[in-house]
C-alpha atoms as a PDB file:
ATOM      1  CA  MET A   1      96.794-154.283  19.682  1.00  0.00           C
ATOM      2  CA  LYS A   2      94.115-153.091  22.054  1.00  0.00           C
ATOM      3  CA  TYR A   3      94.239-149.619  20.427  1.00  0.00           C
ATOM      4  CA  LEU A   4      93.699-151.137  17.019  1.00  0.00           C
ATOM      5  CA  ASN A   5      90.728-153.088  18.300  1.00  0.00           C
ATOM      6  CA  VAL A   6      89.143-149.952  19.726  1.00  0.00           C
ATOM      7  CA  ARG A   7      89.748-148.112  16.480  1.00  0.00           C
ATOM      8  CA  THR A   8      88.195-150.970  14.550  1.00  0.00           C
ATOM      9  CA  ILE A   9      85.158-150.836  16.795  1.00  0.00           C
ATOM     10  CA  TYR A  10      84.845-147.111  16.216  1.00  0.00           C
ATOM     11  CA  ARG A  11      85.033-147.629  12.483  1.00  0.00           C
ATOM     12  CA  ARG A  12      82.169-150.088  12.645  1.00  0.00           C
ATOM     13  CA  VAL A  13      80.012-148.379  15.237  1.00  0.00           C
ATOM     14  CA  LEU A  14      80.278-144.731  14.194  1.00  0.00           C
ATOM     15  CA  PRO A  15      78.647-145.226  10.767  1.00  0.00           C
ATOM     16  CA  ILE A  16      75.804-147.081  12.464  1.00  0.00           C
ATOM     17  CA  ILE A  17      75.354-144.261  14.981  1.00  0.00           C
ATOM     18  CA  ALA A  18      75.502-141.674  12.201  1.00  0.00           C
ATOM     19  CA  LEU A  19      72.946-143.568  10.130  1.00  0.00           C
ATOM     20  CA  GLY A  20      70.669-143.999  13.135  1.00  0.00           C
ATOM     21  CA  THR A  21      70.898-140.296  13.935  1.00  0.00           C
ATOM     22  CA  LEU A  22      70.128-139.412  10.333  1.00  0.00           C
ATOM     23  CA  LEU A  23      67.125-141.725  10.216  1.00  0.00           C
ATOM     24  CA  LEU A  24      65.801-140.481  13.551  1.00  0.00           C
ATOM     25  CA  GLY A  25      66.261-136.869  12.497  1.00  0.00           C
ATOM     26  CA  GLY A  26      64.516-137.551   9.204  1.00  0.00           C
ATOM     27  CA  PHE A  27      61.639-139.274  10.970  1.00  0.00           C
ATOM     28  CA  VAL A  28      61.183-136.350  13.353  1.00  0.00           C
ATOM     29  CA  TYR A  29      61.355-133.888  10.463  1.00  0.00           C
ATOM     30  CA  VAL A  30      58.744-135.546   8.236  1.00  0.00           C
ATOM     31  CA  ARG A  31      56.411-136.359  11.139  1.00  0.00           C
ATOM     32  CA  LYS A  32      56.800-133.321  13.360  1.00  0.00           C
ATOM     33  CA  VAL A  33      58.710-130.400  11.854  1.00  0.00           C
ATOM     34  CA  GLU A  34      57.425-129.971   8.304  1.00  0.00           C
ATOM     35  CA  PRO A  35      53.762-130.810   9.062  1.00  0.00           C
ATOM     36  CA  GLU A  36      53.775-127.790  11.410  1.00  0.00           C
ATOM     37  CA  ASP A  37      55.701-125.440   9.106  1.00  0.00           C
ATOM     38  CA  VAL A  38      52.763-123.722   7.397  1.00  0.00           C
ATOM     39  CA  GLU A  39      53.504-121.637   4.316  1.00  0.00           C
ATOM     40  CA  VAL A  40      51.327-118.658   3.397  1.00  0.00           C
ATOM     41  CA  VAL A  41      51.271-118.495  -0.401  1.00  0.00           C
ATOM     42  CA  SER A  42      50.173-115.253  -2.079  1.00  0.00           C
ATOM     43  CA  VAL A  43      48.633-115.438  -5.552  1.00  0.00           C
ATOM     44  CA  SER A  44      47.441-112.482  -7.625  1.00  0.00           C
ATOM     45  CA  LEU A  45      45.035-113.270 -10.458  1.00  0.00           C
ATOM     46  CA  VAL A  46      43.413-111.115 -13.118  1.00  0.00           C
ATOM     47  CA  LEU A  47      39.844-112.246 -13.788  1.00  0.00           C
ATOM     48  CA  PRO A  48      38.473-110.424 -16.854  1.00  0.00           C
ATOM     49  CA  ARG A  49      34.861-110.858 -15.734  1.00  0.00           C
ATOM     50  CA  LEU A  50      35.525-109.480 -12.259  1.00  0.00           C
ATOM     51  CA  GLY A  51      33.740-106.193 -11.638  1.00  0.00           C
ATOM     52  CA  ALA A  52      35.871-103.182 -10.756  1.00  0.00           C
ATOM     53  CA  ARG A  53      34.200-102.939  -7.338  1.00  0.00           C
ATOM     54  CA  PHE A  54      35.794-106.299  -6.470  1.00  0.00           C
ATOM     55  CA  ASP A  55      39.275-105.283  -7.604  1.00  0.00           C
ATOM     56  CA  GLY A  56      41.684-106.201  -4.782  1.00  0.00           C
ATOM     57  CA  TYR A  57      39.267-108.737  -3.249  1.00  0.00           C
ATOM     58  CA  ARG A  58      41.136-111.189  -1.001  1.00  0.00           C
ATOM     59  CA  ILE A  59      40.241-114.842  -0.503  1.00  0.00           C
ATOM     60  CA  ALA A  60      42.030-117.116   1.960  1.00  0.00           C
ATOM     61  CA  GLN A  61      41.828-120.788   0.999  1.00  0.00           C
ATOM     62  CA  ILE A  62      42.427-123.624   3.433  1.00  0.00           C
ATOM     63  CA  SER A  63      41.876-127.297   2.799  1.00  0.00           C
ATOM     64  CA  ASP A  64      42.161-130.814   4.196  1.00  0.00           C
ATOM     65  CA  LEU A  65      42.259-130.136   7.920  1.00  0.00           C
ATOM     66  CA  HIS A  66      41.800-133.870   8.593  1.00  0.00           C
ATOM     67  CA  ALA A  67      40.789-133.605  12.240  1.00  0.00           C
ATOM     68  CA  ASP A  68      42.333-136.425  14.270  1.00  0.00           C
ATOM     69  CA  GLY A  69      44.428-136.946  17.385  1.00  0.00           C
ATOM     70  CA  TRP A  70      47.141-134.689  15.942  1.00  0.00           C
ATOM     71  CA  MET A  71      45.003-131.984  14.295  1.00  0.00           C
ATOM     72  CA  THR A  72      43.552-130.895  17.630  1.00  0.00           C
ATOM     73  CA  PRO A  73      41.317-127.881  18.356  1.00  0.00           C
ATOM     74  CA  GLY A  74      44.346-126.020  19.709  1.00  0.00           C
ATOM     75  CA  ARG A  75      46.304-126.643  16.532  1.00  0.00           C
ATOM     76  CA  VAL A  76      43.352-125.587  14.364  1.00  0.00           C
ATOM     77  CA  LEU A  77      42.943-122.432  16.440  1.00  0.00           C
ATOM     78  CA  GLY A  78      46.544-121.516  15.641  1.00  0.00           C
ATOM     79  CA  LEU A  79      45.806-121.990  11.945  1.00  0.00           C
ATOM     80  CA  VAL A  80      42.659-119.879  12.228  1.00  0.00           C
ATOM     81  CA  LYS A  81      44.680-117.072  13.805  1.00  0.00           C
ATOM     82  CA  LEU A  82      47.148-117.276  10.924  1.00  0.00           C
ATOM     83  CA  VAL A  83      44.277-117.044   8.432  1.00  0.00           C
ATOM     84  CA  ASN A  84      42.799-114.048  10.248  1.00  0.00           C
ATOM     85  CA  GLU A  85      46.165-112.285  10.157  1.00  0.00           C
ATOM     86  CA  GLN A  86      45.906-112.238   6.348  1.00  0.00           C
ATOM     87  CA  GLU A  87      42.770-110.070   6.631  1.00  0.00           C
ATOM     88  CA  PRO A  88      40.805-111.836   3.884  1.00  0.00           C
ATOM     89  CA  ASP A  89      37.435-110.690   2.621  1.00  0.00           C
ATOM     90  CA  LEU A  90      36.320-114.324   2.390  1.00  0.00           C
ATOM     91  CA  VAL A  91      37.543-117.727   3.577  1.00  0.00           C
ATOM     92  CA  ALA A  92      37.108-120.718   1.235  1.00  0.00           C
ATOM     93  CA  ILE A  93      37.514-124.236   2.651  1.00  0.00           C
ATOM     94  CA  THR A  94      37.818-127.035   0.109  1.00  0.00           C
ATOM     95  CA  GLY A  95      36.875-130.160   2.015  1.00  0.00           C
ATOM     96  CA  ASP A  96      38.121-133.018   4.184  1.00  0.00           C
ATOM     97  CA  PHE A  97      37.364-131.702   7.636  1.00  0.00           C
ATOM     98  CA  ALA A  98      37.239-135.287   8.895  1.00  0.00           C
ATOM     99  CA  THR A  99      39.705-138.162   8.678  1.00  0.00           C
ATOM    100  CA  TYR A 100      38.507-141.582   7.573  1.00  0.00           C
ATOM    101  CA  SER A 101      40.199-144.715   8.873  1.00  0.00           C
ATOM    102  CA  LYS A 102      39.376-148.325   8.090  1.00  0.00           C
ATOM    103  CA  PHE A 103      40.562-149.395  11.519  1.00  0.00           C
ATOM    104  CA  ARG A 104      38.893-146.987  13.950  1.00  0.00           C
ATOM    105  CA  SER A 105      36.401-144.163  13.951  1.00  0.00           C
ATOM    106  CA  LEU A 106      37.933-140.686  14.050  1.00  0.00           C
ATOM    107  CA  ILE A 107      34.759-138.719  13.372  1.00  0.00           C
ATOM    108  CA  ARG A 108      34.588-137.548  17.009  1.00  0.00           C
ATOM    109  CA  HIS A 109      37.554-135.278  16.303  1.00  0.00           C
ATOM    110  CA  ALA A 110      35.591-133.407  13.624  1.00  0.00           C
ATOM    111  CA  SER A 111      33.081-132.136  16.191  1.00  0.00           C
ATOM    112  CA  ALA A 112      35.929-130.409  18.016  1.00  0.00           C
ATOM    113  CA  LEU A 113      36.475-128.140  14.989  1.00  0.00           C
ATOM    114  CA  VAL A 114      33.437-126.015  15.816  1.00  0.00           C
ATOM    115  CA  ALA A 115      35.071-123.786  18.436  1.00  0.00           C
ATOM    116  CA  PRO A 116      38.143-122.808  16.378  1.00  0.00           C
ATOM    117  CA  LEU A 117      36.288-122.459  13.060  1.00  0.00           C
ATOM    118  CA  ARG A 118      33.785-120.087  14.670  1.00  0.00           C
ATOM    119  CA  ARG A 119      36.689-117.700  15.215  1.00  0.00           C
ATOM    120  CA  LEU A 120      37.370-117.218  11.518  1.00  0.00           C
ATOM    121  CA  ARG A 121      37.047-113.525  10.743  1.00  0.00           C
ATOM    122  CA  ALA A 122      36.194-112.280   7.251  1.00  0.00           C
ATOM    123  CA  PRO A 123      33.643-109.641   6.193  1.00  0.00           C
ATOM    124  CA  ASP A 124      31.949-112.020   3.754  1.00  0.00           C
ATOM    125  CA  GLY A 125      32.266-115.051   6.016  1.00  0.00           C
ATOM    126  CA  ALA A 126      33.401-118.543   5.118  1.00  0.00           C
ATOM    127  CA  VAL A 127      32.159-121.010   2.506  1.00  0.00           C
ATOM    128  CA  ALA A 128      33.027-124.674   2.104  1.00  0.00           C
ATOM    129  CA  VAL A 129      32.478-127.918   0.250  1.00  0.00           C
ATOM    130  CA  SER A 130      32.787-131.459   1.570  1.00  0.00           C
ATOM    131  CA  GLY A 131      35.532-133.920   0.665  1.00  0.00           C
ATOM    132  CA  ASN A 132      35.751-137.667   0.246  1.00  0.00           C
ATOM    133  CA  HIS A 133      36.900-138.252   3.848  1.00  0.00           C
ATOM    134  CA  ASP A 134      33.878-136.325   5.093  1.00  0.00           C
ATOM    135  CA  TYR A 135      31.546-138.630   3.197  1.00  0.00           C
ATOM    136  CA  LYS A 136      33.356-141.832   4.135  1.00  0.00           C
ATOM    137  CA  SER A 137      33.358-140.818   7.811  1.00  0.00           C
ATOM    138  CA  ASN A 138      29.961-139.253   8.503  1.00  0.00           C
ATOM    139  CA  PRO A 139      28.660-136.442   6.268  1.00  0.00           C
ATOM    140  CA  GLN A 140      25.864-135.542   8.678  1.00  0.00           C
ATOM    141  CA  VAL A 141      28.363-134.857  11.451  1.00  0.00           C
ATOM    142  CA  VAL A 142      30.496-132.727   9.135  1.00  0.00           C
ATOM    143  CA  ARG A 143      27.467-130.738   7.968  1.00  0.00           C
ATOM    144  CA  GLY A 144      26.564-130.155  11.599  1.00  0.00           C
ATOM    145  CA  VAL A 145      30.080-128.900  12.264  1.00  0.00           C
ATOM    146  CA  LEU A 146      29.854-126.434   9.384  1.00  0.00           C
ATOM    147  CA  ALA A 147      26.439-125.164  10.457  1.00  0.00           C
ATOM    148  CA  ALA A 148      27.524-124.730  14.073  1.00  0.00           C
ATOM    149  CA  SER A 149      30.699-122.971  12.934  1.00  0.00           C
ATOM    150  CA  GLY A 150      28.828-120.446  10.801  1.00  0.00           C
ATOM    151  CA  VAL A 151      30.430-121.805   7.621  1.00  0.00           C
ATOM    152  CA  THR A 152      28.142-121.890   4.573  1.00  0.00           C
ATOM    153  CA  GLU A 153      28.235-125.209   2.724  1.00  0.00           C
ATOM    154  CA  LEU A 154      27.910-124.867  -1.045  1.00  0.00           C
ATOM    155  CA  HIS A 155      26.195-128.149  -1.883  1.00  0.00           C
ATOM    156  CA  ASN A 156      25.768-127.875  -5.682  1.00  0.00           C
ATOM    157  CA  THR A 157      24.609-124.344  -4.967  1.00  0.00           C
ATOM    158  CA  VAL A 158      25.550-120.742  -5.688  1.00  0.00           C
ATOM    159  CA  GLN A 159      25.991-117.757  -3.409  1.00  0.00           C
ATOM    160  CA  THR A 160      26.341-114.287  -4.920  1.00  0.00           C
ATOM    161  CA  LEU A 161      28.175-111.356  -3.365  1.00  0.00           C
ATOM    162  CA  HIS A 162      27.278-107.816  -4.420  1.00  0.00           C
ATOM    163  CA  ARG A 163      29.276-104.606  -4.337  1.00  0.00           C
ATOM    164  CA  GLY A 164      27.396-101.765  -5.916  1.00  0.00           C
ATOM    165  CA  GLY A 165      26.328-103.054  -9.311  1.00  0.00           C
ATOM    166  CA  ALA A 166      29.050-105.727  -9.448  1.00  0.00           C
ATOM    167  CA  ALA A 167      28.535-109.404  -8.614  1.00  0.00           C
ATOM    168  CA  LEU A 168      30.925-112.177  -7.598  1.00  0.00           C
ATOM    169  CA  HIS A 169      29.456-115.676  -7.653  1.00  0.00           C
ATOM    170  CA  LEU A 170      30.621-118.472  -5.349  1.00  0.00           C
ATOM    171  CA  CYS A 171      29.690-121.948  -6.528  1.00  0.00           C
ATOM    172  CA  GLY A 172      30.289-125.287  -4.849  1.00  0.00           C
ATOM    173  CA  VAL A 173      30.034-128.798  -6.263  1.00  0.00           C
ATOM    174  CA  ASP A 174      29.675-131.790  -3.966  1.00  0.00           C
ATOM    175  CA  ASP A 175      32.511-134.286  -3.574  1.00  0.00           C
ATOM    176  CA  VAL A 176      33.134-135.988  -6.895  1.00  0.00           C
ATOM    177  CA  ARG A 177      34.310-139.354  -5.541  1.00  0.00           C
ATOM    178  CA  GLU A 178      31.917-140.052  -2.681  1.00  0.00           C
ATOM    179  CA  GLY A 179      29.185-137.416  -2.805  1.00  0.00           C
ATOM    180  CA  ALA A 180      26.472-136.418  -5.254  1.00  0.00           C
ATOM    181  CA  PRO A 181      28.037-133.796  -7.531  1.00  0.00           C
ATOM    182  CA  ASP A 182      25.577-131.961  -9.751  1.00  0.00           C
ATOM    183  CA  LEU A 183      27.330-129.385 -11.898  1.00  0.00           C
ATOM    184  CA  ASP A 184      24.271-128.964 -14.123  1.00  0.00           C
ATOM    185  CA  ARG A 185      22.151-127.888 -11.163  1.00  0.00           C
ATOM    186  CA  ALA A 186      24.764-125.360 -10.088  1.00  0.00           C
ATOM    187  CA  LEU A 187      25.012-123.994 -13.624  1.00  0.00           C
ATOM    188  CA  ARG A 188      21.233-123.596 -13.849  1.00  0.00           C
ATOM    189  CA  ASP A 189      21.284-121.473 -10.697  1.00  0.00           C
ATOM    190  CA  LEU A 190      24.317-119.439 -11.753  1.00  0.00           C
ATOM    191  CA  PRO A 191      23.329-115.879 -12.755  1.00  0.00           C
ATOM    192  CA  GLU A 192      24.700-114.282 -15.884  1.00  0.00           C
ATOM    193  CA  GLY A 193      27.344-111.598 -15.545  1.00  0.00           C
ATOM    194  CA  GLY A 194      30.215-111.309 -13.116  1.00  0.00           C
ATOM    195  CA  ALA A 195      33.093-113.619 -12.242  1.00  0.00           C
ATOM    196  CA  THR A 196      32.484-117.054 -10.735  1.00  0.00           C
ATOM    197  CA  ILE A 197      34.667-119.014  -8.340  1.00  0.00           C
ATOM    198  CA  LEU A 198      34.088-122.752  -8.043  1.00  0.00           C
ATOM    199  CA  LEU A 199      34.918-124.819  -4.982  1.00  0.00           C
ATOM    200  CA  VAL A 200      35.303-128.565  -5.521  1.00  0.00           C
ATOM    201  CA  HIS A 201      37.455-130.927  -3.488  1.00  0.00           C
ATOM    202  CA  GLU A 202      39.029-132.905  -6.337  1.00  0.00           C
ATOM    203  CA  PRO A 203      41.219-130.801  -8.665  1.00  0.00           C
ATOM    204  CA  ASP A 204      40.981-133.054 -11.710  1.00  0.00           C
ATOM    205  CA  PHE A 205      37.318-132.083 -12.005  1.00  0.00           C
ATOM    206  CA  ALA A 206      38.714-128.936 -13.640  1.00  0.00           C
ATOM    207  CA  ASP A 207      38.556-130.432 -17.124  1.00  0.00           C
ATOM    208  CA  GLU A 208      34.777-130.721 -16.795  1.00  0.00           C
ATOM    209  CA  SER A 209      34.186-127.416 -15.043  1.00  0.00           C
ATOM    210  CA  ALA A 210      36.402-125.469 -17.459  1.00  0.00           C
ATOM    211  CA  ALA A 211      34.520-126.923 -20.426  1.00  0.00           C
ATOM    212  CA  SER A 212      31.361-125.150 -19.250  1.00  0.00           C
ATOM    213  CA  GLY A 213      32.992-121.775 -19.861  1.00  0.00           C
ATOM    214  CA  ARG A 214      31.257-120.334 -16.780  1.00  0.00           C
ATOM    215  CA  PHE A 215      34.024-120.432 -14.191  1.00  0.00           C
ATOM    216  CA  ASP A 216      36.962-118.072 -13.791  1.00  0.00           C
ATOM    217  CA  LEU A 217      38.738-119.846 -10.930  1.00  0.00           C
ATOM    218  CA  GLN A 218      38.438-123.303  -9.399  1.00  0.00           C
ATOM    219  CA  LEU A 219      39.739-123.896  -5.872  1.00  0.00           C
ATOM    220  CA  SER A 220      40.539-127.476  -4.856  1.00  0.00           C
ATOM    221  CA  GLY A 221      42.511-129.568  -2.379  1.00  0.00           C
ATOM    222  CA  HIS A 222      42.488-133.362  -1.935  1.00  0.00           C
ATOM    223  CA  ALA A 223      46.048-134.100  -3.117  1.00  0.00           C
ATOM    224  CA  HIS A 224      48.048-132.678  -0.182  1.00  0.00           C
ATOM    225  CA  GLY A 225      50.602-131.913  -2.891  1.00  0.00           C
ATOM    226  CA  GLY A 226      51.513-135.589  -2.791  1.00  0.00           C
ATOM    227  CA  GLN A 227      53.021-135.006   0.695  1.00  0.00           C
ATOM    228  CA  LEU A 228      56.382-136.075  -0.740  1.00  0.00           C
ATOM    229  CA  GLY A 229      57.660-133.177  -2.822  1.00  0.00           C
ATOM    230  CA  LEU A 230      60.074-135.163  -4.945  1.00  0.00           C
ATOM    231  CA  PRO A 231      59.654-135.686  -8.700  1.00  0.00           C
ATOM    232  CA  LEU A 232      58.040-139.020  -9.572  1.00  0.00           C
ATOM    233  CA  LEU A 233      57.939-140.240  -5.961  1.00  0.00           C
ATOM    234  CA  ARG A 234      55.166-137.857  -4.953  1.00  0.00           C
ATOM    235  CA  TYR A 235      52.825-139.534  -7.398  1.00  0.00           C
ATOM    236  CA  LEU A 236      52.916-142.646  -5.223  1.00  0.00           C
ATOM    237  CA  PHE A 237      50.793-140.808  -2.658  1.00  0.00           C
ATOM    238  CA  LEU A 238      48.391-138.920  -4.911  1.00  0.00           C
ATOM    239  CA  PRO A 239      44.754-140.050  -4.614  1.00  0.00           C
ATOM    240  CA  LYS A 240      42.456-140.469  -7.582  1.00  0.00           C
ATOM    241  CA  LEU A 241      41.267-137.285  -9.270  1.00  0.00           C
ATOM    242  CA  SER A 242      44.349-135.341  -8.187  1.00  0.00           C
ATOM    243  CA  ARG A 243      47.097-136.812 -10.351  1.00  0.00           C
ATOM    244  CA  LYS A 244      46.738-134.401 -13.247  1.00  0.00           C
ATOM    245  CA  TYR A 245      46.699-131.200 -11.185  1.00  0.00           C
ATOM    246  CA  PRO A 246      48.342-132.102  -7.838  1.00  0.00           C
ATOM    247  CA  ALA A 247      49.545-128.731  -6.527  1.00  0.00           C
ATOM    248  CA  GLY A 248      49.701-125.052  -7.355  1.00  0.00           C
ATOM    249  CA  LEU A 249      48.338-122.886 -10.155  1.00  0.00           C
ATOM    250  CA  TYR A 250      47.179-124.157 -13.542  1.00  0.00           C
ATOM    251  CA  ARG A 251      45.428-122.769 -16.575  1.00  0.00           C
ATOM    252  CA  VAL A 252      42.715-125.135 -17.773  1.00  0.00           C
ATOM    253  CA  GLY A 253      41.060-123.757 -20.884  1.00  0.00           C
ATOM    254  CA  GLY A 254      39.897-120.264 -19.995  1.00  0.00           C
ATOM    255  CA  MET A 255      39.814-121.010 -16.258  1.00  0.00           C
ATOM    256  CA  PHE A 256      42.405-120.803 -13.512  1.00  0.00           C
ATOM    257  CA  LEU A 257      42.742-123.795 -11.185  1.00  0.00           C
ATOM    258  CA  TYR A 258      44.534-123.725  -7.869  1.00  0.00           C
ATOM    259  CA  THR A 259      45.220-126.906  -5.898  1.00  0.00           C
ATOM    260  CA  ASN A 260      46.011-126.179  -2.264  1.00  0.00           C
ATOM    261  CA  ARG A 261      48.493-128.523  -0.510  1.00  0.00           C
ATOM    262  CA  GLY A 262      46.267-128.743   2.555  1.00  0.00           C
ATOM    263  CA  LEU A 263      46.965-128.321   6.256  1.00  0.00           C
ATOM    264  CA  GLY A 264      46.571-131.859   7.526  1.00  0.00           C
ATOM    265  CA  ALA A 265      47.946-135.092   6.127  1.00  0.00           C
ATOM    266  CA  HIS A 266      46.859-138.708   5.925  1.00  0.00           C
ATOM    267  CA  PRO A 267      49.066-140.518   6.742  1.00  0.00           C
ATOM    268  CA  ARG A 268      50.859-137.811   8.695  1.00  0.00           C
ATOM    269  CA  PHE A 269      54.165-137.037   7.043  1.00  0.00           C
ATOM    270  CA  ARG A 270      55.472-134.332   4.738  1.00  0.00           C
ATOM    271  CA  PHE A 271      58.777-133.787   2.984  1.00  0.00           C
ATOM    272  CA  ASN A 272      59.476-130.818   0.721  1.00  0.00           C
ATOM    273  CA  CYS A 273      55.717-130.234   0.640  1.00  0.00           C
ATOM    274  CA  ARG A 274      54.770-127.792   3.374  1.00  0.00           C
ATOM    275  CA  PRO A 275      51.168-127.336   4.522  1.00  0.00           C
ATOM    276  CA  GLU A 276      49.608-124.291   2.956  1.00  0.00           C
ATOM    277  CA  ILE A 277      47.293-121.344   3.388  1.00  0.00           C
ATOM    278  CA  THR A 278      46.695-119.615   0.058  1.00  0.00           C
ATOM    279  CA  VAL A 279      45.744-115.948  -0.157  1.00  0.00           C
ATOM    280  CA  PHE A 280      44.337-114.795  -3.496  1.00  0.00           C
ATOM    281  CA  THR A 281      44.153-111.165  -4.513  1.00  0.00           C
ATOM    282  CA  LEU A 282      41.689-110.806  -7.375  1.00  0.00           C
ATOM    283  CA  ARG A 283      42.166-108.126  -9.994  1.00  0.00           C
ATOM    284  CA  SER A 284      39.730-106.916 -12.633  1.00  0.00           C
ATOM    285  CA  SER A 285      40.905-106.360 -16.201  1.00  0.00           C
END
């Protein structure tokens, strides 16, 4: 009788232990393991307006660092080293350096990004745009971080790279949700001839930018890929202006759009949606 009682206890307790172990393992995975498992994604794109002198040009895109108590300077430095290992010609950063919280200020963590970001190595440097978290936290602090890091902010402005007689234009539009985006101003300053790459935090802006006919590639972030890489469920975590183009490569009119899954997360969890560094190799027609 005693043996039967012990067996009955095992039958009842073991499933509970197994379930608890599964839940604990899942919690550790989504909070600790996958958020640190960075994927380097390689994308090759043919841009018909790209000059032959820029054939093979490499751009490393990172996005959504979301500096906080988890995304520390040491962690960012590791990401910077991984970016540098890709040997890009240019680094493009598509917003959300800071993390906004309704309950406590986290902007102090953004200032700690200066030291690691200054160690980015690319012949043509690094360019960036701000994101909605940057504006909701403290845009002046974020702009100071970029300036101190040697990162050029494209604030509705254009920067042109030259190789021989060929030109590659880099354009940035301010955050669409919280900033002061001015696509018309950027278009007025955009020279004729050559390929143009647009940086804007929110990917769904692509419908408007593609309609101008002036951009060959738009780089965006914002969505974190939904953080939950399961059909239908991921849309529960997609912010506004990212639900149409949440992750990966799209063709919008005559323009390519790439939405990077980001490196940070808010809130911090990921499942089947690894953080991402994207490396583009541009090809001329």
